[in-house]
Amino acid sequence: METERQIIFYGQYFTQFYLKQTEKVQEKIEYVFKIISTVQNVPKKFLNHISGTEGLYEIRIEFQSNIYRVFCCFDHLNLVVLFNGFQKKSKKTPKNEIKLALRLKSEYFNSKKKNSE
C-alpha cells in the first residue's frame, strides 16, 4: 500500500499525551494513523473537520469505552501536522483544547513562514 500522507508532530503536546497512554491505546492510535497515512478518503469516523474553525481537524480514536482526540491540520495535501491530544470525557469537546490547537496551528504556520523568509 503506497503512503498518501506523512504525519508530523508540532511541539511536544502530542508526544506527552501519547506517552501517558497504555500500550493498547498507543497501538490503537498507531492503527488510526496508518489509516490516515494510507487511505485516500479517510472516513469521518477517524478524521473530521472541527466546525467553526478554519482548517482544524480532529483525529478520532476509540478504544474500549474511551474516546481520544488529537487535533491536527493539513499543510499542503499530503502533510498532517499533529498538535495536542486528550481523552474526551464529555459529549462536548473542551474549548480550552480547541483554543490550544488553534494557537499551535497559528504558531506552526508563523514559524514556517519565518523560516522561509
PDB file of N, CA and C in Angstrom:
ATOM      1  N   MET A   1       0.844  -1.182   0.000  1.00  0.00           N
ATOM      2  CA  MET A   1       0.000   0.000   0.000  1.00  0.00           C
ATOM      3  C   MET A   1       0.890   1.247   0.000  1.00  0.00           C
ATOM      4  N   GLU A   2       0.688   2.137  -0.924  1.00  0.00           N
ATOM      5  CA  GLU A   2       1.515   3.330  -1.041  1.00  0.00           C
ATOM      6  C   GLU A   2       1.039   4.422  -0.088  1.00  0.00           C
ATOM      7  N   THR A   3       1.966   5.098   0.563  1.00  0.00           N
ATOM      8  CA  THR A   3       1.621   6.139   1.519  1.00  0.00           C
ATOM      9  C   THR A   3       1.082   7.362   0.788  1.00  0.00           C
ATOM     10  N   GLU A   4      -0.039   7.845   1.248  1.00  0.00           N
ATOM     11  CA  GLU A   4      -0.659   9.041   0.685  1.00  0.00           C
ATOM     12  C   GLU A   4      -0.252  10.298   1.453  1.00  0.00           C
ATOM     13  N   ARG A   5      -0.110  10.159   2.778  1.00  0.00           N
ATOM     14  CA  ARG A   5       0.170  11.305   3.639  1.00  0.00           C
ATOM     15  C   ARG A   5       1.294  10.993   4.622  1.00  0.00           C
ATOM     16  N   GLN A   6       1.985  12.061   5.023  1.00  0.00           N
ATOM     17  CA  GLN A   6       3.008  11.968   6.061  1.00  0.00           C
ATOM     18  C   GLN A   6       2.464  12.662   7.304  1.00  0.00           C
ATOM     19  N   ILE A   7       2.715  12.089   8.466  1.00  0.00           N
ATOM     20  CA  ILE A   7       2.260  12.676   9.729  1.00  0.00           C
ATOM     21  C   ILE A   7       3.482  13.168  10.493  1.00  0.00           C
ATOM     22  N   ILE A   8       3.420  14.441  10.935  1.00  0.00           N
ATOM     23  CA  ILE A   8       4.490  15.004  11.756  1.00  0.00           C
ATOM     24  C   ILE A   8       3.885  15.591  13.026  1.00  0.00           C
ATOM     25  N   PHE A   9       4.729  15.796  14.034  1.00  0.00           N
ATOM     26  CA  PHE A   9       4.286  16.383  15.294  1.00  0.00           C
ATOM     27  C   PHE A   9       4.812  17.805  15.385  1.00  0.00           C
ATOM     28  N   TYR A  10       3.984  18.719  15.893  1.00  0.00           N
ATOM     29  CA  TYR A  10       4.442  20.071  16.157  1.00  0.00           C
ATOM     30  C   TYR A  10       4.469  20.259  17.671  1.00  0.00           C
ATOM     31  N   GLY A  11       5.617  20.611  18.201  1.00  0.00           N
ATOM     32  CA  GLY A  11       5.765  20.784  19.643  1.00  0.00           C
ATOM     33  C   GLY A  11       5.755  19.442  20.349  1.00  0.00           C
ATOM     34  N   GLN A  12       5.640  19.501  21.654  1.00  0.00           N
ATOM     35  CA  GLN A  12       5.690  18.291  22.484  1.00  0.00           C
ATOM     36  C   GLN A  12       4.330  17.835  22.987  1.00  0.00           C
ATOM     37  N   TYR A  13       3.273  18.556  22.678  1.00  0.00           N
ATOM     38  CA  TYR A  13       1.964  18.252  23.252  1.00  0.00           C
ATOM     39  C   TYR A  13       1.474  16.847  22.897  1.00  0.00           C
ATOM     40  N   PHE A  14       1.547  16.490  21.618  1.00  0.00           N
ATOM     41  CA  PHE A  14       1.073  15.164  21.249  1.00  0.00           C
ATOM     42  C   PHE A  14       1.947  14.079  21.871  1.00  0.00           C
ATOM     43  N   THR A  15       3.254  14.249  21.819  1.00  0.00           N
ATOM     44  CA  THR A  15       4.169  13.234  22.357  1.00  0.00           C
ATOM     45  C   THR A  15       3.908  13.018  23.846  1.00  0.00           C
ATOM     46  N   GLN A  16       3.714  14.087  24.594  1.00  0.00           N
ATOM     47  CA  GLN A  16       3.420  13.965  26.025  1.00  0.00           C
ATOM     48  C   GLN A  16       2.119  13.202  26.247  1.00  0.00           C
ATOM     49  N   PHE A  17       1.101  13.507  25.458  1.00  0.00           N
ATOM     50  CA  PHE A  17      -0.181  12.799  25.550  1.00  0.00           C
ATOM     51  C   PHE A  17       0.005  11.316  25.230  1.00  0.00           C
ATOM     52  N   TYR A  18       0.694  11.033  24.147  1.00  0.00           N
ATOM     53  CA  TYR A  18       0.887   9.660  23.669  1.00  0.00           C
ATOM     54  C   TYR A  18       1.615   8.808  24.712  1.00  0.00           C
ATOM     55  N   LEU A  19       2.666   9.337  25.292  1.00  0.00           N
ATOM     56  CA  LEU A  19       3.474   8.578  26.244  1.00  0.00           C
ATOM     57  C   LEU A  19       2.731   8.261  27.544  1.00  0.00           C
ATOM     58  N   LYS A  20       1.676   9.005  27.848  1.00  0.00           N
ATOM     59  CA  LYS A  20       0.881   8.751  29.054  1.00  0.00           C
ATOM     60  C   LYS A  20      -0.128   7.611  28.859  1.00  0.00           C
ATOM     61  N   GLN A  21      -0.334   7.195  27.607  1.00  0.00           N
ATOM     62  CA  GLN A  21      -1.353   6.182  27.320  1.00  0.00           C
ATOM     63  C   GLN A  21      -0.809   4.772  27.541  1.00  0.00           C
ATOM     64  N   THR A  22      -1.731   3.837  27.731  1.00  0.00           N
ATOM     65  CA  THR A  22      -1.335   2.436  27.862  1.00  0.00           C
ATOM     66  C   THR A  22      -0.840   1.926  26.516  1.00  0.00           C
ATOM     67  N   GLU A  23      -0.163   0.797  26.542  1.00  0.00           N
ATOM     68  CA  GLU A  23       0.355   0.209  25.309  1.00  0.00           C
ATOM     69  C   GLU A  23      -0.775  -0.084  24.309  1.00  0.00           C
ATOM     70  N   LYS A  24      -1.906  -0.554  24.794  1.00  0.00           N
ATOM     71  CA  LYS A  24      -3.047  -0.880  23.919  1.00  0.00           C
ATOM     72  C   LYS A  24      -3.619   0.377  23.262  1.00  0.00           C
ATOM     73  N   VAL A  25      -3.707   1.462  24.012  1.00  0.00           N
ATOM     74  CA  VAL A  25      -4.200   2.725  23.450  1.00  0.00           C
ATOM     75  C   VAL A  25      -3.195   3.242  22.427  1.00  0.00           C
ATOM     76  N   GLN A  26      -1.905   3.143  22.719  1.00  0.00           N
ATOM     77  CA  GLN A  26      -0.880   3.566  21.764  1.00  0.00           C
ATOM     78  C   GLN A  26      -0.996   2.771  20.465  1.00  0.00           C
ATOM     79  N   GLU A  27      -1.247   1.472  20.569  1.00  0.00           N
ATOM     80  CA  GLU A  27      -1.420   0.640  19.369  1.00  0.00           C
ATOM     81  C   GLU A  27      -2.618   1.105  18.557  1.00  0.00           C
ATOM     82  N   LYS A  28      -3.703   1.461  19.221  1.00  0.00           N
ATOM     83  CA  LYS A  28      -4.906   1.926  18.517  1.00  0.00           C
ATOM     84  C   LYS A  28      -4.630   3.273  17.838  1.00  0.00           C
ATOM     85  N   ILE A  29      -3.905   4.149  18.506  1.00  0.00           N
ATOM     86  CA  ILE A  29      -3.538   5.438  17.915  1.00  0.00           C
ATOM     87  C   ILE A  29      -2.711   5.200  16.651  1.00  0.00           C
ATOM     88  N   GLU A  30      -1.730   4.308  16.737  1.00  0.00           N
ATOM     89  CA  GLU A  30      -0.890   3.996  15.579  1.00  0.00           C
ATOM     90  C   GLU A  30      -1.704   3.388  14.442  1.00  0.00           C
ATOM     91  N   TYR A  31      -2.686   2.566  14.775  1.00  0.00           N
ATOM     92  CA  TYR A  31      -3.573   1.975  13.766  1.00  0.00           C
ATOM     93  C   TYR A  31      -4.338   3.073  13.013  1.00  0.00           C
ATOM     94  N   VAL A  32      -4.891   4.022  13.759  1.00  0.00           N
ATOM     95  CA  VAL A  32      -5.643   5.122  13.134  1.00  0.00           C
ATOM     96  C   VAL A  32      -4.700   5.983  12.292  1.00  0.00           C
ATOM     97  N   PHE A  33      -3.484   6.219  12.766  1.00  0.00           N
ATOM     98  CA  PHE A  33      -2.513   6.983  11.983  1.00  0.00           C
ATOM     99  C   PHE A  33      -2.196   6.269  10.669  1.00  0.00           C
ATOM    100  N   LYS A  34      -2.109   4.961  10.716  1.00  0.00           N
ATOM    101  CA  LYS A  34      -1.837   4.196   9.493  1.00  0.00           C
ATOM    102  C   LYS A  34      -2.975   4.379   8.479  1.00  0.00           C
ATOM    103  N   ILE A  35      -4.202   4.383   8.965  1.00  0.00           N
ATOM    104  CA  ILE A  35      -5.350   4.624   8.080  1.00  0.00           C
ATOM    105  C   ILE A  35      -5.242   6.011   7.462  1.00  0.00           C
ATOM    106  N   ILE A  36      -4.969   7.008   8.290  1.00  0.00           N
ATOM    107  CA  ILE A  36      -4.870   8.388   7.793  1.00  0.00           C
ATOM    108  C   ILE A  36      -3.733   8.517   6.785  1.00  0.00           C
ATOM    109  N   SER A  37      -2.646   7.789   7.010  1.00  0.00           N
ATOM    110  CA  SER A  37      -1.484   7.857   6.119  1.00  0.00           C
ATOM    111  C   SER A  37      -1.719   7.182   4.780  1.00  0.00           C
ATOM    112  N   THR A  38      -2.529   6.146   4.761  1.00  0.00           N
ATOM    113  CA  THR A  38      -2.603   5.311   3.563  1.00  0.00           C
ATOM    114  C   THR A  38      -3.934   5.333   2.814  1.00  0.00           C
ATOM    115  N   VAL A  39      -5.009   5.720   3.458  1.00  0.00           N
ATOM    116  CA  VAL A  39      -6.324   5.699   2.804  1.00  0.00           C
ATOM    117  C   VAL A  39      -6.593   7.068   2.188  1.00  0.00           C
ATOM    118  N   GLN A  40      -6.938   7.073   0.918  1.00  0.00           N
ATOM    119  CA  GLN A  40      -7.144   8.352   0.237  1.00  0.00           C
ATOM    120  C   GLN A  40      -8.319   9.133   0.826  1.00  0.00           C
ATOM    121  N   ASN A  41      -9.472   8.516   0.954  1.00  0.00           N
ATOM    122  CA  ASN A  41     -10.657   9.163   1.529  1.00  0.00           C
ATOM    123  C   ASN A  41     -10.893   8.596   2.928  1.00  0.00           C
ATOM    124  N   VAL A  42     -10.323   9.255   3.915  1.00  0.00           N
ATOM    125  CA  VAL A  42     -10.407   8.778   5.295  1.00  0.00           C
ATOM    126  C   VAL A  42     -11.839   8.956   5.801  1.00  0.00           C
ATOM    127  N   PRO A  43     -12.443   7.903   6.349  1.00  0.00           N
ATOM    128  CA  PRO A  43     -13.806   8.030   6.887  1.00  0.00           C
ATOM    129  C   PRO A  43     -13.872   9.042   8.035  1.00  0.00           C
ATOM    130  N   LYS A  44     -15.010   9.741   8.153  1.00  0.00           N
ATOM    131  CA  LYS A  44     -15.199  10.728   9.218  1.00  0.00           C
ATOM    132  C   LYS A  44     -15.114  10.089  10.600  1.00  0.00           C
ATOM    133  N   LYS A  45     -15.286   8.800  10.658  1.00  0.00           N
ATOM    134  CA  LYS A  45     -15.147   8.083  11.933  1.00  0.00           C
ATOM    135  C   LYS A  45     -13.740   8.285  12.515  1.00  0.00           C
ATOM    136  N   PHE A  46     -12.753   8.489  11.640  1.00  0.00           N
ATOM    137  CA  PHE A  46     -11.362   8.634  12.071  1.00  0.00           C
ATOM    138  C   PHE A  46     -10.830  10.058  11.972  1.00  0.00           C
ATOM    139  N   LEU A  47     -11.366  10.859  11.048  1.00  0.00           N
ATOM    140  CA  LEU A  47     -10.844  12.212  10.824  1.00  0.00           C
ATOM    141  C   LEU A  47     -11.992  13.110  10.412  1.00  0.00           C
ATOM    142  N   ASN A  48     -12.175  14.203  11.169  1.00  0.00           N
ATOM    143  CA  ASN A  48     -13.296  15.088  10.878  1.00  0.00           C
ATOM    144  C   ASN A  48     -12.908  16.538  11.124  1.00  0.00           C
ATOM    145  N   HIS A  49     -13.458  17.434  10.304  1.00  0.00           N
ATOM    146  CA  HIS A  49     -13.217  18.870  10.450  1.00  0.00           C
ATOM    147  C   HIS A  49     -13.954  19.377  11.685  1.00  0.00           C
ATOM    148  N   ILE A  50     -13.327  20.283  12.425  1.00  0.00           N
ATOM    149  CA  ILE A  50     -13.960  20.918  13.582  1.00  0.00           C
ATOM    150  C   ILE A  50     -14.742  22.114  13.068  1.00  0.00           C
ATOM    151  N   SER A  51     -16.049  22.066  13.193  1.00  0.00           N
ATOM    152  CA  SER A  51     -16.873  23.152  12.676  1.00  0.00           C
ATOM    153  C   SER A  51     -16.558  24.454  13.417  1.00  0.00           C
ATOM    154  N   GLY A  52     -16.633  25.546  12.689  1.00  0.00           N
ATOM    155  CA  GLY A  52     -16.345  26.850  13.264  1.00  0.00           C
ATOM    156  C   GLY A  52     -14.865  27.200  13.308  1.00  0.00           C
ATOM    157  N   THR A  53     -14.020  26.327  12.755  1.00  0.00           N
ATOM    158  CA  THR A  53     -12.585  26.601  12.713  1.00  0.00           C
ATOM    159  C   THR A  53     -12.123  26.546  11.264  1.00  0.00           C
ATOM    160  N   GLU A  54     -11.053  27.245  11.002  1.00  0.00           N
ATOM    161  CA  GLU A  54     -10.507  27.231   9.652  1.00  0.00           C
ATOM    162  C   GLU A  54      -9.370  26.220   9.582  1.00  0.00           C
ATOM    163  N   GLY A  55      -9.648  25.084   8.992  1.00  0.00           N
ATOM    164  CA  GLY A  55      -8.600  24.101   8.744  1.00  0.00           C
ATOM    165  C   GLY A  55      -8.171  23.249   9.923  1.00  0.00           C
ATOM    166  N   LEU A  56      -8.937  23.241  11.015  1.00  0.00           N
ATOM    167  CA  LEU A  56      -8.581  22.399  12.154  1.00  0.00           C
ATOM    168  C   LEU A  56      -9.416  21.117  12.098  1.00  0.00           C
ATOM    169  N   TYR A  57      -8.737  19.989  12.279  1.00  0.00           N
ATOM    170  CA  TYR A  57      -9.378  18.675  12.238  1.00  0.00           C
ATOM    171  C   TYR A  57      -9.115  17.943  13.533  1.00  0.00           C
ATOM    172  N   GLU A  58      -9.956  16.935  13.795  1.00  0.00           N
ATOM    173  CA  GLU A  58      -9.692  16.061  14.920  1.00  0.00           C
ATOM    174  C   GLU A  58      -9.586  14.628  14.436  1.00  0.00           C
ATOM    175  N   ILE A  59      -8.572  13.955  14.936  1.00  0.00           N
ATOM    176  CA  ILE A  59      -8.405  12.527  14.692  1.00  0.00           C
ATOM    177  C   ILE A  59      -9.144  11.843  15.833  1.00  0.00           C
ATOM    178  N   ARG A  60     -10.008  10.908  15.468  1.00  0.00           N
ATOM    179  CA  ARG A  60     -10.857  10.258  16.462  1.00  0.00           C
ATOM    180  C   ARG A  60     -10.376   8.841  16.719  1.00  0.00           C
ATOM    181  N   ILE A  61     -10.144   8.558  17.981  1.00  0.00           N
ATOM    182  CA  ILE A  61      -9.681   7.233  18.381  1.00  0.00           C
ATOM    183  C   ILE A  61     -10.611   6.724  19.473  1.00  0.00           C
ATOM    184  N   GLU A  62     -11.149   5.541  19.272  1.00  0.00           N
ATOM    185  CA  GLU A  62     -11.975   4.910  20.298  1.00  0.00           C
ATOM    186  C   GLU A  62     -11.329   3.602  20.686  1.00  0.00           C
ATOM    187  N   PHE A  63     -11.220   3.385  21.987  1.00  0.00           N
ATOM    188  CA  PHE A  63     -10.670   2.127  22.486  1.00  0.00           C
ATOM    189  C   PHE A  63     -11.460   1.727  23.710  1.00  0.00           C
ATOM    190  N   GLN A  64     -12.051   0.548  23.641  1.00  0.00           N
ATOM    191  CA  GLN A  64     -12.960   0.060  24.670  1.00  0.00           C
ATOM    192  C   GLN A  64     -14.034   1.119  24.860  1.00  0.00           C
ATOM    193  N   SER A  65     -14.242   1.631  26.040  1.00  0.00           N
ATOM    194  CA  SER A  65     -15.290   2.643  26.216  1.00  0.00           C
ATOM    195  C   SER A  65     -14.715   4.055  26.291  1.00  0.00           C
ATOM    196  N   ASN A  66     -13.451   4.212  25.927  1.00  0.00           N
ATOM    197  CA  ASN A  66     -12.795   5.521  26.000  1.00  0.00           C
ATOM    198  C   ASN A  66     -12.684   6.156  24.622  1.00  0.00           C
ATOM    199  N   ILE A  67     -12.746   7.487  24.626  1.00  0.00           N
ATOM    200  CA  ILE A  67     -12.650   8.255  23.392  1.00  0.00           C
ATOM    201  C   ILE A  67     -11.469   9.211  23.533  1.00  0.00           C
ATOM    202  N   TYR A  68     -10.633   9.225  22.504  1.00  0.00           N
ATOM    203  CA  TYR A  68      -9.458  10.100  22.484  1.00  0.00           C
ATOM    204  C   TYR A  68      -9.539  10.968  21.233  1.00  0.00           C
ATOM    205  N   ARG A  69      -9.003  12.175  21.344  1.00  0.00           N
ATOM    206  CA  ARG A  69      -8.971  13.087  20.209  1.00  0.00           C
ATOM    207  C   ARG A  69      -7.563  13.669  20.083  1.00  0.00           C
ATOM    208  N   VAL A  70      -7.150  13.850  18.826  1.00  0.00           N
ATOM    209  CA  VAL A  70      -5.886  14.508  18.525  1.00  0.00           C
ATOM    210  C   VAL A  70      -6.195  15.571  17.481  1.00  0.00           C
ATOM    211  N   PHE A  71      -5.864  16.817  17.780  1.00  0.00           N
ATOM    212  CA  PHE A  71      -6.097  17.896  16.825  1.00  0.00           C
ATOM    213  C   PHE A  71      -4.954  17.960  15.829  1.00  0.00           C
ATOM    214  N   CYS A  72      -5.307  18.323  14.606  1.00  0.00           N
ATOM    215  CA  CYS A  72      -4.308  18.393  13.546  1.00  0.00           C
ATOM    216  C   CYS A  72      -4.786  19.344  12.454  1.00  0.00           C
ATOM    217  N   CYS A  73      -3.905  19.596  11.500  1.00  0.00           N
ATOM    218  CA  CYS A  73      -4.262  20.344  10.302  1.00  0.00           C
ATOM    219  C   CYS A  73      -3.476  19.756   9.143  1.00  0.00           C
ATOM    220  N   PHE A  74      -3.826  20.187   7.964  1.00  0.00           N
ATOM    221  CA  PHE A  74      -3.106  19.766   6.769  1.00  0.00           C
ATOM    222  C   PHE A  74      -2.201  20.906   6.318  1.00  0.00           C
ATOM    223  N   ASP A  75      -1.001  20.549   5.917  1.00  0.00           N
ATOM    224  CA  ASP A  75      -0.078  21.504   5.316  1.00  0.00           C
ATOM    225  C   ASP A  75       0.181  20.952   3.930  1.00  0.00           C
ATOM    226  N   HIS A  76      -0.316  21.590   2.944  1.00  0.00           N
ATOM    227  CA  HIS A  76      -0.412  21.052   1.594  1.00  0.00           C
ATOM    228  C   HIS A  76      -1.385  19.867   1.667  1.00  0.00           C
ATOM    229  N   LEU A  77      -1.399  19.031   0.707  1.00  0.00           N
ATOM    230  CA  LEU A  77      -2.385  17.952   0.711  1.00  0.00           C
ATOM    231  C   LEU A  77      -1.895  16.684   1.395  1.00  0.00           C
ATOM    232  N   ASN A  78      -0.594  16.508   1.489  1.00  0.00           N
ATOM    233  CA  ASN A  78      -0.098  15.218   1.964  1.00  0.00           C
ATOM    234  C   ASN A  78       0.664  15.276   3.283  1.00  0.00           C
ATOM    235  N   LEU A  79       0.589  16.388   4.004  1.00  0.00           N
ATOM    236  CA  LEU A  79       1.286  16.504   5.279  1.00  0.00           C
ATOM    237  C   LEU A  79       0.266  16.804   6.375  1.00  0.00           C
ATOM    238  N   VAL A  80       0.194  15.916   7.368  1.00  0.00           N
ATOM    239  CA  VAL A  80      -0.713  16.104   8.502  1.00  0.00           C
ATOM    240  C   VAL A  80       0.139  16.515   9.694  1.00  0.00           C
ATOM    241  N   VAL A  81      -0.184  17.667  10.276  1.00  0.00           N
ATOM    242  CA  VAL A  81       0.575  18.204  11.401  1.00  0.00           C
ATOM    243  C   VAL A  81      -0.252  17.999  12.672  1.00  0.00           C
ATOM    244  N   LEU A  82       0.303  17.222  13.625  1.00  0.00           N
ATOM    245  CA  LEU A  82      -0.396  16.931  14.878  1.00  0.00           C
ATOM    246  C   LEU A  82      -0.078  17.976  15.928  1.00  0.00           C
ATOM    247  N   PHE A  83      -1.105  18.327  16.705  1.00  0.00           N
ATOM    248  CA  PHE A  83      -0.930  19.294  17.783  1.00  0.00           C
ATOM    249  C   PHE A  83      -1.147  18.604  19.127  1.00  0.00           C
ATOM    250  N   ASN A  84      -2.241  18.866  19.804  1.00  0.00           N
ATOM    251  CA  ASN A  84      -2.487  18.317  21.132  1.00  0.00           C
ATOM    252  C   ASN A  84      -3.479  17.157  21.083  1.00  0.00           C
ATOM    253  N   GLY A  85      -3.391  16.294  22.071  1.00  0.00           N
ATOM    254  CA  GLY A  85      -4.307  15.170  22.207  1.00  0.00           C
ATOM    255  C   GLY A  85      -4.867  15.129  23.619  1.00  0.00           C
ATOM    256  N   PHE A  86      -6.039  14.510  23.767  1.00  0.00           N
ATOM    257  CA  PHE A  86      -6.660  14.412  25.081  1.00  0.00           C
ATOM    258  C   PHE A  86      -7.682  13.291  25.078  1.00  0.00           C
ATOM    259  N   GLN A  87      -8.053  12.854  26.279  1.00  0.00           N
ATOM    260  CA  GLN A  87      -9.128  11.876  26.415  1.00  0.00           C
ATOM    261  C   GLN A  87     -10.420  12.639  26.600  1.00  0.00           C
ATOM    262  N   LYS A  88     -11.393  12.325  25.780  1.00  0.00           N
ATOM    263  CA  LYS A  88     -12.676  13.025  25.816  1.00  0.00           C
ATOM    264  C   LYS A  88     -13.547  12.379  26.882  1.00  0.00           C
ATOM    265  N   LYS A  89     -14.039  13.204  27.814  1.00  0.00           N
ATOM    266  CA  LYS A  89     -14.820  12.668  28.926  1.00  0.00           C
ATOM    267  C   LYS A  89     -16.248  13.184  28.948  1.00  0.00           C
ATOM    268  N   SER A  90     -16.608  14.016  27.977  1.00  0.00           N
ATOM    269  CA  SER A  90     -17.980  14.518  27.890  1.00  0.00           C
ATOM    270  C   SER A  90     -18.366  14.611  26.417  1.00  0.00           C
ATOM    271  N   LYS A  91     -19.624  14.908  26.154  1.00  0.00           N
ATOM    272  CA  LYS A  91     -20.079  14.984  24.762  1.00  0.00           C
ATOM    273  C   LYS A  91     -19.433  16.135  24.004  1.00  0.00           C
ATOM    274  N   LYS A  92     -19.235  17.251  24.690  1.00  0.00           N
ATOM    275  CA  LYS A  92     -18.651  18.428  24.040  1.00  0.00           C
ATOM    276  C   LYS A  92     -17.130  18.399  24.143  1.00  0.00           C
ATOM    277  N   THR A  93     -16.489  18.834  23.063  1.00  0.00           N
ATOM    278  CA  THR A  93     -15.040  18.965  23.067  1.00  0.00           C
ATOM    279  C   THR A  93     -14.673  20.186  23.909  1.00  0.00           C
ATOM    280  N   PRO A  94     -13.762  20.039  24.877  1.00  0.00           N
ATOM    281  CA  PRO A  94     -13.392  21.180  25.728  1.00  0.00           C
ATOM    282  C   PRO A  94     -12.851  22.359  24.914  1.00  0.00           C
ATOM    283  N   LYS A  95     -13.398  23.541  25.182  1.00  0.00           N
ATOM    284  CA  LYS A  95     -12.993  24.743  24.446  1.00  0.00           C
ATOM    285  C   LYS A  95     -11.513  25.058  24.633  1.00  0.00           C
ATOM    286  N   ASN A  96     -10.974  24.779  25.824  1.00  0.00           N
ATOM    287  CA  ASN A  96      -9.556  25.081  26.045  1.00  0.00           C
ATOM    288  C   ASN A  96      -8.659  24.213  25.168  1.00  0.00           C
ATOM    289  N   GLU A  97      -9.085  22.990  24.856  1.00  0.00           N
ATOM    290  CA  GLU A  97      -8.306  22.124  23.963  1.00  0.00           C
ATOM    291  C   GLU A  97      -8.347  22.653  22.526  1.00  0.00           C
ATOM    292  N   ILE A  98      -9.501  23.145  22.108  1.00  0.00           N
ATOM    293  CA  ILE A  98      -9.625  23.734  20.763  1.00  0.00           C
ATOM    294  C   ILE A  98      -8.779  24.999  20.673  1.00  0.00           C
ATOM    295  N   LYS A  99      -8.840  25.845  21.712  1.00  0.00           N
ATOM    296  CA  LYS A  99      -8.042  27.078  21.721  1.00  0.00           C
ATOM    297  C   LYS A  99      -6.555  26.766  21.644  1.00  0.00           C
ATOM    298  N   LEU A 100      -6.120  25.763  22.390  1.00  0.00           N
ATOM    299  CA  LEU A 100      -4.708  25.363  22.357  1.00  0.00           C
ATOM    300  C   LEU A 100      -4.325  24.904  20.955  1.00  0.00           C
ATOM    301  N   ALA A 101      -5.157  24.077  20.341  1.00  0.00           N
ATOM    302  CA  ALA A 101      -4.871  23.583  18.991  1.00  0.00           C
ATOM    303  C   ALA A 101      -4.801  24.731  17.991  1.00  0.00           C
ATOM    304  N   LEU A 102      -5.715  25.677  18.080  1.00  0.00           N
ATOM    305  CA  LEU A 102      -5.697  26.823  17.166  1.00  0.00           C
ATOM    306  C   LEU A 102      -4.443  27.669  17.369  1.00  0.00           C
ATOM    307  N   ARG A 103      -4.023  27.838  18.619  1.00  0.00           N
ATOM    308  CA  ARG A 103      -2.799  28.593  18.904  1.00  0.00           C
ATOM    309  C   ARG A 103      -1.580  27.863  18.324  1.00  0.00           C
ATOM    310  N   LEU A 104      -1.527  26.538  18.501  1.00  0.00           N
ATOM    311  CA  LEU A 104      -0.404  25.759  17.974  1.00  0.00           C
ATOM    312  C   LEU A 104      -0.388  25.779  16.448  1.00  0.00           C
ATOM    313  N   LYS A 105      -1.566  25.719  15.856  1.00  0.00           N
ATOM    314  CA  LYS A 105      -1.661  25.787  14.387  1.00  0.00           C
ATOM    315  C   LYS A 105      -1.108  27.121  13.895  1.00  0.00           C
ATOM    316  N   SER A 106      -1.501  28.196  14.541  1.00  0.00           N
ATOM    317  CA  SER A 106      -1.017  29.526  14.173  1.00  0.00           C
ATOM    318  C   SER A 106       0.501  29.617  14.349  1.00  0.00           C
ATOM    319  N   GLU A 107       1.009  29.112  15.472  1.00  0.00           N
ATOM    320  CA  GLU A 107       2.459  29.109  15.710  1.00  0.00           C
ATOM    321  C   GLU A 107       3.187  28.321  14.625  1.00  0.00           C
ATOM    322  N   TYR A 108       2.642  27.167  14.262  1.00  0.00           N
ATOM    323  CA  TYR A 108       3.270  26.316  13.249  1.00  0.00           C
ATOM    324  C   TYR A 108       3.424  27.068  11.930  1.00  0.00           C
ATOM    325  N   PHE A 109       2.334  27.665  11.451  1.00  0.00           N
ATOM    326  CA  PHE A 109       2.402  28.350  10.162  1.00  0.00           C
ATOM    327  C   PHE A 109       3.227  29.628  10.239  1.00  0.00           C
ATOM    328  N   ASN A 110       3.198  30.321  11.379  1.00  0.00           N
ATOM    329  CA  ASN A 110       4.040  31.509  11.541  1.00  0.00           C
ATOM    330  C   ASN A 110       5.525  31.157  11.541  1.00  0.00           C
ATOM    331  N   SER A 111       5.881  30.070  12.252  1.00  0.00           N
ATOM    332  CA  SER A 111       7.298  29.675  12.276  1.00  0.00           C
ATOM    333  C   SER A 111       7.745  29.171  10.909  1.00  0.00           C
ATOM    334  N   LYS A 112       6.860  28.528  10.205  1.00  0.00           N
ATOM    335  CA  LYS A 112       7.196  28.057   8.853  1.00  0.00           C
ATOM    336  C   LYS A 112       7.418  29.236   7.915  1.00  0.00           C
ATOM    337  N   LYS A 113       6.569  30.237   8.068  1.00  0.00           N
ATOM    338  CA  LYS A 113       6.683  31.444   7.235  1.00  0.00           C
ATOM    339  C   LYS A 113       8.001  32.181   7.526  1.00  0.00           C
ATOM    340  N   LYS A 114       8.359  32.296   8.820  1.00  0.00           N
ATOM    341  CA  LYS A 114       9.616  32.958   9.204  1.00  0.00           C
ATOM    342  C   LYS A 114      10.830  32.210   8.645  1.00  0.00           C
ATOM    343  N   ASN A 115      10.769  30.873   8.672  1.00  0.00           N
ATOM    344  CA  ASN A 115      11.883  30.078   8.184  1.00  0.00           C
ATOM    345  C   ASN A 115      12.071  30.160   6.686  1.00  0.00           C
ATOM    346  N   SER A 116      10.991  30.468   5.968  1.00  0.00           N
ATOM    347  CA  SER A 116      11.103  30.555   4.513  1.00  0.00           C
ATOM    348  C   SER A 116      11.512  31.949   4.033  1.00  0.00           C
ATOM    349  N   GLU A 117      11.521  32.915   4.940  1.00  0.00           N
ATOM    350  CA  GLU A 117      11.900  34.302   4.554  1.00  0.00           C
ATOM    351  C   GLU A 117      13.393  34.488   4.529  1.00  0.00           C
TER     352      GLU A 117
END
